[in-house]
Amino acid sequence: MQPRLLPPAVIKVSLADSPSLLERASLLLYAHLPFNERTIRIADSLVPKLVKERDEIVLLAEDSGTPAGALLVKLRPGRTAFIWPPVVVASEIAAQIADALLIDANRRLDIAGVVLGQALLEQNDFVGHESFARNEFPHLTNLALLARSFDEQLPARSGLTWASHSFTPTDRVRFAHLIERTFVGSLDCAELRGALSGDESLALHQASGKFDPRFWLRFEVHAHDAGLVLVNPYPELNSCEVAYVGVVPESRGEGLGREMLIEALLLARNSGFSEAFLAVDEKNHFARATYHQLGFRLRESRAVHLRTHSGHPVS
């Protein structure tokens, strides 16, 4: 018996920049949701994206005119972007459709001047891992997503002497310089050192949650800047994210990071939040041990796939 020959695929990828294309793409992107939630998401997606949200890119793949896949990209400050895994209709050419979507997304990322494109995948999403790896998104590391309830008592502080100061607009350059210094020798996603400037990093963190300068803390030891903690509220969840913790090299090994975290967590708890959460590189065993000591426990893990602009290679 002769093998069955498949007709050649005619895959077309388009920017979903009209109501009809956006609705087709949204039906695929939100197909996994319950009917009522899916209906709300689709209705909510139509007007804002077309009118004012130019920081989102929605792509639609069609096979001979039939919707076959979709992909969502969120452009973020600091020349970065977040890419959701392609959603593809099950077929014998599903891998080709995923590739076509990611190839088109990469082209648009380059046009937008994106330096770092990041995707987070469930660790058992083997098809997704292969799709991203084939298309310039190698696996970088795994992130441990940790959380702690403020119902649990915080540990006592040590006798270390320090002073903290909340962020003000006039402090931006100082914070940017300080966060760059904390990058030196950091074990958290060490491959990314130097990819973003301090100011770009601040802009990226500022876009997460609801920025409140009271929760961005700069710490001094003996009148010298020694570290910082950036916490972002999520009022709708009554929780907050510890978005960044960093200590300059000359102040490490003295327990300052632990002290800074306790201070930031006390501020968040006293502000009425019920929970704090964070993400940490699974390879950063020192930081994970500190977080565990402070009551953070593993919620889930995600695999990080990263695409870098030429000129900013991942080492």
C-alpha atoms as a PDB file:
ATOM      1  CA  MET A   1       0.000   0.000   0.000  1.00  0.00           C
ATOM      2  CA  GLN A   2       1.295   3.414  -0.952  1.00  0.00           C
ATOM      3  CA  PRO A   3       1.734   5.912   1.942  1.00  0.00           C
ATOM      4  CA  ARG A   4      -0.943   8.593   2.081  1.00  0.00           C
ATOM      5  CA  LEU A   5       0.431  11.880   0.789  1.00  0.00           C
ATOM      6  CA  LEU A   6      -0.579  15.005   2.651  1.00  0.00           C
ATOM      7  CA  PRO A   7      -1.434  18.111   0.654  1.00  0.00           C
ATOM      8  CA  PRO A   8       1.175  20.844   1.052  1.00  0.00           C
ATOM      9  CA  ALA A   9       0.361  23.145   3.939  1.00  0.00           C
ATOM     10  CA  VAL A  10      -0.384  26.759   3.075  1.00  0.00           C
ATOM     11  CA  ILE A  11       0.388  28.480   6.387  1.00  0.00           C
ATOM     12  CA  LYS A  12      -0.214  32.194   6.608  1.00  0.00           C
ATOM     13  CA  VAL A  13       0.627  34.200   9.726  1.00  0.00           C
ATOM     14  CA  SER A  14      -1.036  37.591  10.152  1.00  0.00           C
ATOM     15  CA  LEU A  15      -1.077  40.312  12.752  1.00  0.00           C
ATOM     16  CA  ALA A  16      -4.536  40.201  14.330  1.00  0.00           C
ATOM     17  CA  ASP A  17      -5.163  43.909  13.868  1.00  0.00           C
ATOM     18  CA  SER A  18      -8.819  43.827  12.854  1.00  0.00           C
ATOM     19  CA  PRO A  19     -11.884  42.787  14.875  1.00  0.00           C
ATOM     20  CA  SER A  20     -12.447  39.664  12.795  1.00  0.00           C
ATOM     21  CA  LEU A  21      -8.833  38.452  12.975  1.00  0.00           C
ATOM     22  CA  LEU A  22      -8.574  39.286  16.666  1.00  0.00           C
ATOM     23  CA  GLU A  23     -11.745  37.356  17.435  1.00  0.00           C
ATOM     24  CA  ARG A  24     -10.461  34.314  15.553  1.00  0.00           C
ATOM     25  CA  ALA A  25      -7.161  34.454  17.412  1.00  0.00           C
ATOM     26  CA  SER A  26      -8.864  34.979  20.783  1.00  0.00           C
ATOM     27  CA  LEU A  27     -11.093  31.932  20.263  1.00  0.00           C
ATOM     28  CA  LEU A  28      -7.912  29.851  20.056  1.00  0.00           C
ATOM     29  CA  LEU A  29      -5.962  31.627  22.798  1.00  0.00           C
ATOM     30  CA  TYR A  30      -8.756  31.271  25.346  1.00  0.00           C
ATOM     31  CA  ALA A  31     -10.148  27.905  24.237  1.00  0.00           C
ATOM     32  CA  HIS A  32      -8.899  26.254  27.451  1.00  0.00           C
ATOM     33  CA  LEU A  33     -11.039  28.498  29.683  1.00  0.00           C
ATOM     34  CA  PRO A  34     -14.587  27.716  30.898  1.00  0.00           C
ATOM     35  CA  PHE A  35     -17.273  29.060  28.572  1.00  0.00           C
ATOM     36  CA  ASN A  36     -18.322  32.076  30.653  1.00  0.00           C
ATOM     37  CA  GLU A  37     -14.766  33.205  31.353  1.00  0.00           C
ATOM     38  CA  ARG A  38     -13.770  32.590  27.745  1.00  0.00           C
ATOM     39  CA  THR A  39     -16.644  34.758  26.530  1.00  0.00           C
ATOM     40  CA  ILE A  40     -15.650  37.604  28.857  1.00  0.00           C
ATOM     41  CA  ARG A  41     -11.963  37.386  27.863  1.00  0.00           C
ATOM     42  CA  ILE A  42     -12.764  37.467  24.164  1.00  0.00           C
ATOM     43  CA  ALA A  43     -15.159  40.401  24.500  1.00  0.00           C
ATOM     44  CA  ASP A  44     -12.658  42.259  26.673  1.00  0.00           C
ATOM     45  CA  SER A  45      -9.833  41.642  24.225  1.00  0.00           C
ATOM     46  CA  LEU A  46     -11.442  43.195  21.163  1.00  0.00           C
ATOM     47  CA  VAL A  47     -11.677  46.951  21.785  1.00  0.00           C
ATOM     48  CA  PRO A  48      -8.696  47.758  24.046  1.00  0.00           C
ATOM     49  CA  LYS A  49      -6.099  46.001  21.919  1.00  0.00           C
ATOM     50  CA  LEU A  50      -7.292  47.721  18.764  1.00  0.00           C
ATOM     51  CA  VAL A  51      -7.679  51.179  20.280  1.00  0.00           C
ATOM     52  CA  LYS A  52      -4.969  51.751  22.854  1.00  0.00           C
ATOM     53  CA  GLU A  53      -2.950  48.705  23.883  1.00  0.00           C
ATOM     54  CA  ARG A  54      -0.170  48.842  21.322  1.00  0.00           C
ATOM     55  CA  ASP A  55       2.134  46.908  23.646  1.00  0.00           C
ATOM     56  CA  GLU A  56       0.439  43.609  22.764  1.00  0.00           C
ATOM     57  CA  ILE A  57       1.011  41.630  19.582  1.00  0.00           C
ATOM     58  CA  VAL A  58      -1.536  38.956  18.674  1.00  0.00           C
ATOM     59  CA  LEU A  59      -0.678  36.662  15.769  1.00  0.00           C
ATOM     60  CA  LEU A  60      -3.043  34.360  13.909  1.00  0.00           C
ATOM     61  CA  ALA A  61      -1.895  31.383  11.817  1.00  0.00           C
ATOM     62  CA  GLU A  62      -4.191  30.006   9.135  1.00  0.00           C
ATOM     63  CA  ASP A  63      -3.859  26.790   7.178  1.00  0.00           C
ATOM     64  CA  SER A  64      -5.456  27.273   3.766  1.00  0.00           C
ATOM     65  CA  GLY A  65      -7.717  29.968   5.244  1.00  0.00           C
ATOM     66  CA  THR A  66      -8.737  28.042   8.374  1.00  0.00           C
ATOM     67  CA  PRO A  67      -7.572  29.293  11.810  1.00  0.00           C
ATOM     68  CA  ALA A  68      -4.867  26.887  12.967  1.00  0.00           C
ATOM     69  CA  GLY A  69      -2.930  28.652  15.717  1.00  0.00           C
ATOM     70  CA  ALA A  70      -2.413  31.866  17.634  1.00  0.00           C
ATOM     71  CA  LEU A  71       0.278  33.493  19.732  1.00  0.00           C
ATOM     72  CA  LEU A  72       0.340  36.392  22.191  1.00  0.00           C
ATOM     73  CA  VAL A  73       3.328  38.690  22.795  1.00  0.00           C
ATOM     74  CA  LYS A  74       3.460  41.384  25.474  1.00  0.00           C
ATOM     75  CA  LEU A  75       6.032  44.135  24.911  1.00  0.00           C
ATOM     76  CA  ARG A  76       7.424  45.351  28.226  1.00  0.00           C
ATOM     77  CA  PRO A  77       9.620  48.247  29.379  1.00  0.00           C
ATOM     78  CA  GLY A  78      13.389  47.936  29.207  1.00  0.00           C
ATOM     79  CA  ARG A  79      13.352  46.493  25.666  1.00  0.00           C
ATOM     80  CA  THR A  80      11.923  43.196  26.898  1.00  0.00           C
ATOM     81  CA  ALA A  81       8.952  41.049  25.943  1.00  0.00           C
ATOM     82  CA  PHE A  82       6.976  38.127  27.301  1.00  0.00           C
ATOM     83  CA  ILE A  83       5.891  35.446  24.823  1.00  0.00           C
ATOM     84  CA  TRP A  84       3.137  32.965  25.606  1.00  0.00           C
ATOM     85  CA  PRO A  85       3.456  29.465  24.092  1.00  0.00           C
ATOM     86  CA  PRO A  86       1.718  29.121  20.712  1.00  0.00           C
ATOM     87  CA  VAL A  87      -1.776  27.674  20.883  1.00  0.00           C
ATOM     88  CA  VAL A  88      -2.130  25.326  17.916  1.00  0.00           C
ATOM     89  CA  VAL A  89      -4.991  23.186  16.654  1.00  0.00           C
ATOM     90  CA  ALA A  90      -4.059  19.502  16.838  1.00  0.00           C
ATOM     91  CA  SER A  91      -3.036  18.287  13.388  1.00  0.00           C
ATOM     92  CA  GLU A  92      -0.225  16.588  11.525  1.00  0.00           C
ATOM     93  CA  ILE A  93       1.333  19.992  10.801  1.00  0.00           C
ATOM     94  CA  ALA A  94       0.959  21.411  14.319  1.00  0.00           C
ATOM     95  CA  ALA A  95       4.743  21.729  14.745  1.00  0.00           C
ATOM     96  CA  GLN A  96       5.017  23.658  11.453  1.00  0.00           C
ATOM     97  CA  ILE A  97       2.289  26.045  12.563  1.00  0.00           C
ATOM     98  CA  ALA A  98       3.987  26.661  15.924  1.00  0.00           C
ATOM     99  CA  ASP A  99       7.262  27.322  14.101  1.00  0.00           C
ATOM    100  CA  ALA A 100       5.597  29.756  11.705  1.00  0.00           C
ATOM    101  CA  LEU A 101       4.100  31.714  14.606  1.00  0.00           C
ATOM    102  CA  LEU A 102       7.394  31.898  16.506  1.00  0.00           C
ATOM    103  CA  ILE A 103       9.376  32.871  13.388  1.00  0.00           C
ATOM    104  CA  ASP A 104       6.972  35.739  12.738  1.00  0.00           C
ATOM    105  CA  ALA A 105       7.059  36.748  16.412  1.00  0.00           C
ATOM    106  CA  ASN A 106      10.875  36.845  16.330  1.00  0.00           C
ATOM    107  CA  ARG A 107      10.793  39.132  13.307  1.00  0.00           C
ATOM    108  CA  ARG A 108       8.456  41.520  15.089  1.00  0.00           C
ATOM    109  CA  LEU A 109      10.560  41.434  18.262  1.00  0.00           C
ATOM    110  CA  ASP A 110      13.589  42.507  16.246  1.00  0.00           C
ATOM    111  CA  ILE A 111      11.640  45.321  14.592  1.00  0.00           C
ATOM    112  CA  ALA A 112      10.502  46.497  18.045  1.00  0.00           C
ATOM    113  CA  GLY A 113      14.099  46.541  19.298  1.00  0.00           C
ATOM    114  CA  VAL A 114      13.511  43.899  21.964  1.00  0.00           C
ATOM    115  CA  VAL A 115      16.712  42.774  23.696  1.00  0.00           C
ATOM    116  CA  LEU A 116      15.269  39.989  25.846  1.00  0.00           C
ATOM    117  CA  GLY A 117      12.271  37.837  24.935  1.00  0.00           C
ATOM    118  CA  GLN A 118      11.142  35.474  27.697  1.00  0.00           C
ATOM    119  CA  ALA A 119       8.763  32.538  27.790  1.00  0.00           C
ATOM    120  CA  LEU A 120       7.728  30.556  30.872  1.00  0.00           C
ATOM    121  CA  LEU A 121       6.586  26.981  30.322  1.00  0.00           C
ATOM    122  CA  GLU A 122       5.416  24.159  32.531  1.00  0.00           C
ATOM    123  CA  GLN A 123       8.297  21.756  32.915  1.00  0.00           C
ATOM    124  CA  ASN A 124       6.332  18.850  31.439  1.00  0.00           C
ATOM    125  CA  ASP A 125       5.351  20.814  28.312  1.00  0.00           C
ATOM    126  CA  PHE A 126       7.799  18.868  26.149  1.00  0.00           C
ATOM    127  CA  VAL A 127       6.232  19.960  22.856  1.00  0.00           C
ATOM    128  CA  GLY A 128       6.483  23.599  23.916  1.00  0.00           C
ATOM    129  CA  HIS A 129      10.116  23.195  24.969  1.00  0.00           C
ATOM    130  CA  GLU A 130      10.987  21.738  21.577  1.00  0.00           C
ATOM    131  CA  SER A 131       9.104  24.477  19.706  1.00  0.00           C
ATOM    132  CA  PHE A 132      10.881  27.294  21.520  1.00  0.00           C
ATOM    133  CA  ALA A 133      14.291  25.604  21.328  1.00  0.00           C
ATOM    134  CA  ARG A 134      13.917  25.222  17.543  1.00  0.00           C
ATOM    135  CA  ASN A 135      13.137  28.910  17.190  1.00  0.00           C
ATOM    136  CA  GLU A 136      15.922  30.819  18.963  1.00  0.00           C
ATOM    137  CA  PHE A 137      14.517  30.425  22.504  1.00  0.00           C
ATOM    138  CA  PRO A 138      16.925  28.028  24.257  1.00  0.00           C
ATOM    139  CA  HIS A 139      16.137  26.789  27.752  1.00  0.00           C
ATOM    140  CA  LEU A 140      17.944  29.072  30.214  1.00  0.00           C
ATOM    141  CA  THR A 141      16.992  27.828  33.673  1.00  0.00           C
ATOM    142  CA  ASN A 142      14.065  26.870  35.873  1.00  0.00           C
ATOM    143  CA  LEU A 143      12.313  29.287  38.207  1.00  0.00           C
ATOM    144  CA  ALA A 144      10.984  28.248  41.597  1.00  0.00           C
ATOM    145  CA  LEU A 145       7.814  30.189  42.438  1.00  0.00           C
ATOM    146  CA  LEU A 146       7.639  30.641  46.210  1.00  0.00           C
ATOM    147  CA  ALA A 147       5.052  32.168  48.540  1.00  0.00           C
ATOM    148  CA  ARG A 148       4.466  32.769  52.256  1.00  0.00           C
ATOM    149  CA  SER A 149       1.461  33.839  54.288  1.00  0.00           C
ATOM    150  CA  PHE A 150       1.699  36.776  56.669  1.00  0.00           C
ATOM    151  CA  ASP A 151      -0.270  34.697  59.164  1.00  0.00           C
ATOM    152  CA  GLU A 152       3.076  33.066  59.925  1.00  0.00           C
ATOM    153  CA  GLN A 153       5.472  34.853  62.270  1.00  0.00           C
ATOM    154  CA  LEU A 154       8.542  36.466  60.726  1.00  0.00           C
ATOM    155  CA  PRO A 155      11.960  35.551  62.186  1.00  0.00           C
ATOM    156  CA  ALA A 156      13.696  37.935  64.566  1.00  0.00           C
ATOM    157  CA  ARG A 157      16.211  40.387  63.166  1.00  0.00           C
ATOM    158  CA  SER A 158      19.923  40.164  63.834  1.00  0.00           C
ATOM    159  CA  GLY A 159      22.021  42.935  65.359  1.00  0.00           C
ATOM    160  CA  LEU A 160      23.185  44.260  61.987  1.00  0.00           C
ATOM    161  CA  THR A 161      23.002  48.059  61.734  1.00  0.00           C
ATOM    162  CA  TRP A 162      21.538  49.593  58.587  1.00  0.00           C
ATOM    163  CA  ALA A 163      19.235  52.366  57.378  1.00  0.00           C
ATOM    164  CA  SER A 164      16.498  52.124  54.732  1.00  0.00           C
ATOM    165  CA  HIS A 165      15.033  54.750  52.406  1.00  0.00           C
ATOM    166  CA  SER A 166      12.001  54.515  50.122  1.00  0.00           C
ATOM    167  CA  PHE A 167      12.260  55.365  46.436  1.00  0.00           C
ATOM    168  CA  THR A 168      11.657  58.923  45.249  1.00  0.00           C
ATOM    169  CA  PRO A 169      11.830  60.215  41.646  1.00  0.00           C
ATOM    170  CA  THR A 170      14.995  62.157  42.492  1.00  0.00           C
ATOM    171  CA  ASP A 171      16.587  58.857  43.607  1.00  0.00           C
ATOM    172  CA  ARG A 172      16.096  57.074  40.286  1.00  0.00           C
ATOM    173  CA  VAL A 173      19.686  57.433  39.082  1.00  0.00           C
ATOM    174  CA  ARG A 174      20.944  56.293  42.474  1.00  0.00           C
ATOM    175  CA  PHE A 175      18.660  53.234  42.440  1.00  0.00           C
ATOM    176  CA  ALA A 176      19.697  52.436  38.844  1.00  0.00           C
ATOM    177  CA  HIS A 177      23.384  52.597  39.732  1.00  0.00           C
ATOM    178  CA  LEU A 178      22.812  50.493  42.842  1.00  0.00           C
ATOM    179  CA  ILE A 179      20.884  47.744  41.056  1.00  0.00           C
ATOM    180  CA  GLU A 180      23.674  47.516  38.444  1.00  0.00           C
ATOM    181  CA  ARG A 181      26.194  47.008  41.254  1.00  0.00           C
ATOM    182  CA  THR A 182      24.083  44.195  42.702  1.00  0.00           C
ATOM    183  CA  PHE A 183      24.202  42.378  39.359  1.00  0.00           C
ATOM    184  CA  VAL A 184      27.956  41.788  39.779  1.00  0.00           C
ATOM    185  CA  GLY A 185      28.530  38.168  40.765  1.00  0.00           C
ATOM    186  CA  SER A 186      24.806  37.504  41.247  1.00  0.00           C
ATOM    187  CA  LEU A 187      23.733  33.840  41.160  1.00  0.00           C
ATOM    188  CA  ASP A 188      20.181  34.605  40.006  1.00  0.00           C
ATOM    189  CA  CYS A 189      19.993  34.028  36.221  1.00  0.00           C
ATOM    190  CA  ALA A 190      23.693  34.860  36.053  1.00  0.00           C
ATOM    191  CA  GLU A 191      23.644  34.384  32.267  1.00  0.00           C
ATOM    192  CA  LEU A 192      21.779  37.697  31.920  1.00  0.00           C
ATOM    193  CA  ARG A 193      24.370  39.953  33.528  1.00  0.00           C
ATOM    194  CA  GLY A 194      24.794  43.135  31.523  1.00  0.00           C
ATOM    195  CA  ALA A 195      21.868  42.476  29.195  1.00  0.00           C
ATOM    196  CA  LEU A 196      19.863  45.386  30.638  1.00  0.00           C
ATOM    197  CA  SER A 197      20.991  48.678  32.108  1.00  0.00           C
ATOM    198  CA  GLY A 198      20.024  49.637  35.644  1.00  0.00           C
ATOM    199  CA  ASP A 199      17.399  52.069  34.411  1.00  0.00           C
ATOM    200  CA  GLU A 200      15.922  49.468  32.042  1.00  0.00           C
ATOM    201  CA  SER A 201      15.747  46.993  34.928  1.00  0.00           C
ATOM    202  CA  LEU A 202      13.911  49.524  37.099  1.00  0.00           C
ATOM    203  CA  ALA A 203      11.448  50.238  34.287  1.00  0.00           C
ATOM    204  CA  LEU A 204      10.787  46.505  33.887  1.00  0.00           C
ATOM    205  CA  HIS A 205      10.130  45.996  37.593  1.00  0.00           C
ATOM    206  CA  GLN A 206       8.024  49.148  37.766  1.00  0.00           C
ATOM    207  CA  ALA A 207       5.644  47.668  35.187  1.00  0.00           C
ATOM    208  CA  SER A 208       4.838  44.647  37.394  1.00  0.00           C
ATOM    209  CA  GLY A 209       1.885  44.812  39.734  1.00  0.00           C
ATOM    210  CA  LYS A 210       0.931  48.267  40.981  1.00  0.00           C
ATOM    211  CA  PHE A 211       4.035  50.360  41.524  1.00  0.00           C
ATOM    212  CA  ASP A 212       4.148  52.056  44.931  1.00  0.00           C
ATOM    213  CA  PRO A 213       7.438  53.818  45.789  1.00  0.00           C
ATOM    214  CA  ARG A 214       6.959  53.136  49.509  1.00  0.00           C
ATOM    215  CA  PHE A 215       7.786  49.487  48.891  1.00  0.00           C
ATOM    216  CA  TRP A 216      10.993  50.100  46.933  1.00  0.00           C
ATOM    217  CA  LEU A 217      13.694  50.248  49.595  1.00  0.00           C
ATOM    218  CA  ARG A 218      17.349  51.259  49.382  1.00  0.00           C
ATOM    219  CA  PHE A 219      19.583  50.114  52.247  1.00  0.00           C
ATOM    220  CA  GLU A 220      22.710  51.796  53.575  1.00  0.00           C
ATOM    221  CA  VAL A 221      25.400  50.335  55.808  1.00  0.00           C
ATOM    222  CA  HIS A 222      27.833  52.822  57.348  1.00  0.00           C
ATOM    223  CA  ALA A 223      26.351  55.542  55.096  1.00  0.00           C
ATOM    224  CA  HIS A 224      27.139  53.588  51.899  1.00  0.00           C
ATOM    225  CA  ASP A 225      24.542  52.070  49.560  1.00  0.00           C
ATOM    226  CA  ALA A 226      24.607  48.332  50.168  1.00  0.00           C
ATOM    227  CA  GLY A 227      21.453  46.800  48.688  1.00  0.00           C
ATOM    228  CA  LEU A 228      17.841  47.172  47.660  1.00  0.00           C
ATOM    229  CA  VAL A 229      14.514  45.343  47.752  1.00  0.00           C
ATOM    230  CA  LEU A 230      11.751  46.071  45.244  1.00  0.00           C
ATOM    231  CA  VAL A 231       8.267  44.964  46.295  1.00  0.00           C
ATOM    232  CA  ASN A 232       5.216  45.451  44.060  1.00  0.00           C
ATOM    233  CA  PRO A 233       1.643  45.278  45.398  1.00  0.00           C
ATOM    234  CA  TYR A 234      -1.107  43.260  43.731  1.00  0.00           C
ATOM    235  CA  PRO A 235      -4.158  44.819  45.455  1.00  0.00           C
ATOM    236  CA  GLU A 236      -6.662  42.631  43.587  1.00  0.00           C
ATOM    237  CA  LEU A 237      -4.992  39.570  45.163  1.00  0.00           C
ATOM    238  CA  ASN A 238      -4.305  41.248  48.520  1.00  0.00           C
ATOM    239  CA  SER A 239      -0.721  40.119  48.020  1.00  0.00           C
ATOM    240  CA  CYS A 240       2.638  41.515  46.965  1.00  0.00           C
ATOM    241  CA  GLU A 241       5.567  40.351  44.885  1.00  0.00           C
ATOM    242  CA  VAL A 242       9.169  40.559  46.007  1.00  0.00           C
ATOM    243  CA  ALA A 243      10.291  41.524  42.515  1.00  0.00           C
ATOM    244  CA  TYR A 244      13.999  41.994  43.247  1.00  0.00           C
ATOM    245  CA  VAL A 245      16.492  41.565  46.084  1.00  0.00           C
ATOM    246  CA  GLY A 246      20.129  42.530  45.585  1.00  0.00           C
ATOM    247  CA  VAL A 247      23.206  43.197  47.721  1.00  0.00           C
ATOM    248  CA  VAL A 248      26.421  44.774  46.429  1.00  0.00           C
ATOM    249  CA  PRO A 249      29.432  42.412  46.419  1.00  0.00           C
ATOM    250  CA  GLU A 250      31.310  44.098  49.273  1.00  0.00           C
ATOM    251  CA  SER A 251      28.313  43.747  51.636  1.00  0.00           C
ATOM    252  CA  ARG A 252      27.556  40.085  51.008  1.00  0.00           C
ATOM    253  CA  GLY A 253      28.027  37.301  53.518  1.00  0.00           C
ATOM    254  CA  GLU A 254      26.971  39.379  56.526  1.00  0.00           C
ATOM    255  CA  GLY A 255      23.253  38.601  56.552  1.00  0.00           C
ATOM    256  CA  LEU A 256      22.175  41.915  55.016  1.00  0.00           C
ATOM    257  CA  GLY A 257      19.939  40.263  52.398  1.00  0.00           C
ATOM    258  CA  ARG A 258      17.984  38.500  55.150  1.00  0.00           C
ATOM    259  CA  GLU A 259      17.638  41.757  57.121  1.00  0.00           C
ATOM    260  CA  MET A 260      16.459  43.653  54.045  1.00  0.00           C
ATOM    261  CA  LEU A 261      13.826  41.013  53.300  1.00  0.00           C
ATOM    262  CA  ILE A 262      12.507  41.034  56.855  1.00  0.00           C
ATOM    263  CA  GLU A 263      12.174  44.823  56.733  1.00  0.00           C
ATOM    264  CA  ALA A 264      10.373  44.719  53.379  1.00  0.00           C
ATOM    265  CA  LEU A 265       8.060  41.906  54.510  1.00  0.00           C
ATOM    266  CA  LEU A 266       7.202  43.719  57.742  1.00  0.00           C
ATOM    267  CA  LEU A 267       6.295  46.811  55.740  1.00  0.00           C
ATOM    268  CA  ALA A 268       4.073  44.740  53.438  1.00  0.00           C
ATOM    269  CA  ARG A 269       2.397  42.902  56.323  1.00  0.00           C
ATOM    270  CA  ASN A 270       1.754  46.133  58.217  1.00  0.00           C
ATOM    271  CA  SER A 271       0.213  47.574  55.043  1.00  0.00           C
ATOM    272  CA  GLY A 272      -2.480  44.898  55.131  1.00  0.00           C
ATOM    273  CA  PHE A 273      -1.272  42.348  52.584  1.00  0.00           C
ATOM    274  CA  SER A 274      -2.001  38.715  53.367  1.00  0.00           C
ATOM    275  CA  GLU A 275       0.712  37.050  51.311  1.00  0.00           C
ATOM    276  CA  ALA A 276       4.035  37.622  49.563  1.00  0.00           C
ATOM    277  CA  PHE A 277       5.382  35.699  46.581  1.00  0.00           C
ATOM    278  CA  LEU A 278       8.547  35.677  44.477  1.00  0.00           C
ATOM    279  CA  ALA A 279      10.463  33.776  41.809  1.00  0.00           C
ATOM    280  CA  VAL A 280      14.044  32.580  42.175  1.00  0.00           C
ATOM    281  CA  ASP A 281      16.484  30.754  39.920  1.00  0.00           C
ATOM    282  CA  GLU A 282      16.467  27.112  41.039  1.00  0.00           C
ATOM    283  CA  LYS A 283      20.276  27.081  40.762  1.00  0.00           C
ATOM    284  CA  ASN A 284      20.579  29.874  43.366  1.00  0.00           C
ATOM    285  CA  HIS A 285      20.705  27.556  46.360  1.00  0.00           C
ATOM    286  CA  PHE A 286      21.900  30.263  48.759  1.00  0.00           C
ATOM    287  CA  ALA A 287      18.924  32.531  48.028  1.00  0.00           C
ATOM    288  CA  ARG A 288      16.481  29.614  48.177  1.00  0.00           C
ATOM    289  CA  ALA A 289      17.796  28.656  51.614  1.00  0.00           C
ATOM    290  CA  THR A 290      17.334  32.247  52.825  1.00  0.00           C
ATOM    291  CA  TYR A 291      13.773  32.382  51.476  1.00  0.00           C
ATOM    292  CA  HIS A 292      12.961  29.039  53.106  1.00  0.00           C
ATOM    293  CA  GLN A 293      14.260  30.343  56.439  1.00  0.00           C
ATOM    294  CA  LEU A 294      11.895  33.301  56.061  1.00  0.00           C
ATOM    295  CA  GLY A 295       8.871  31.046  55.543  1.00  0.00           C
ATOM    296  CA  PHE A 296       8.632  30.909  51.736  1.00  0.00           C
ATOM    297  CA  ARG A 297       7.507  27.572  50.344  1.00  0.00           C
ATOM    298  CA  LEU A 298       7.449  26.178  46.817  1.00  0.00           C
ATOM    299  CA  ARG A 299       4.184  26.675  44.924  1.00  0.00           C
ATOM    300  CA  GLU A 300       5.267  25.589  41.450  1.00  0.00           C
ATOM    301  CA  SER A 301       8.160  25.650  38.999  1.00  0.00           C
ATOM    302  CA  ARG A 302       8.472  27.019  35.491  1.00  0.00           C
ATOM    303  CA  ALA A 303      11.052  26.560  32.760  1.00  0.00           C
ATOM    304  CA  VAL A 304      12.535  29.753  31.321  1.00  0.00           C
ATOM    305  CA  HIS A 305      13.234  30.005  27.594  1.00  0.00           C
ATOM    306  CA  LEU A 306      15.052  33.160  26.542  1.00  0.00           C
ATOM    307  CA  ARG A 307      15.800  34.809  23.226  1.00  0.00           C
ATOM    308  CA  THR A 308      18.417  37.541  23.189  1.00  0.00           C
ATOM    309  CA  HIS A 309      19.049  40.173  20.571  1.00  0.00           C
ATOM    310  CA  SER A 310      22.326  39.742  18.687  1.00  0.00           C
ATOM    311  CA  GLY A 311      24.929  41.741  20.554  1.00  0.00           C
ATOM    312  CA  HIS A 312      23.541  40.623  23.910  1.00  0.00           C
ATOM    313  CA  PRO A 313      24.325  36.893  23.903  1.00  0.00           C
ATOM    314  CA  VAL A 314      23.481  34.601  26.797  1.00  0.00           C
ATOM    315  CA  SER A 315      26.824  33.364  28.050  1.00  0.00           C
END
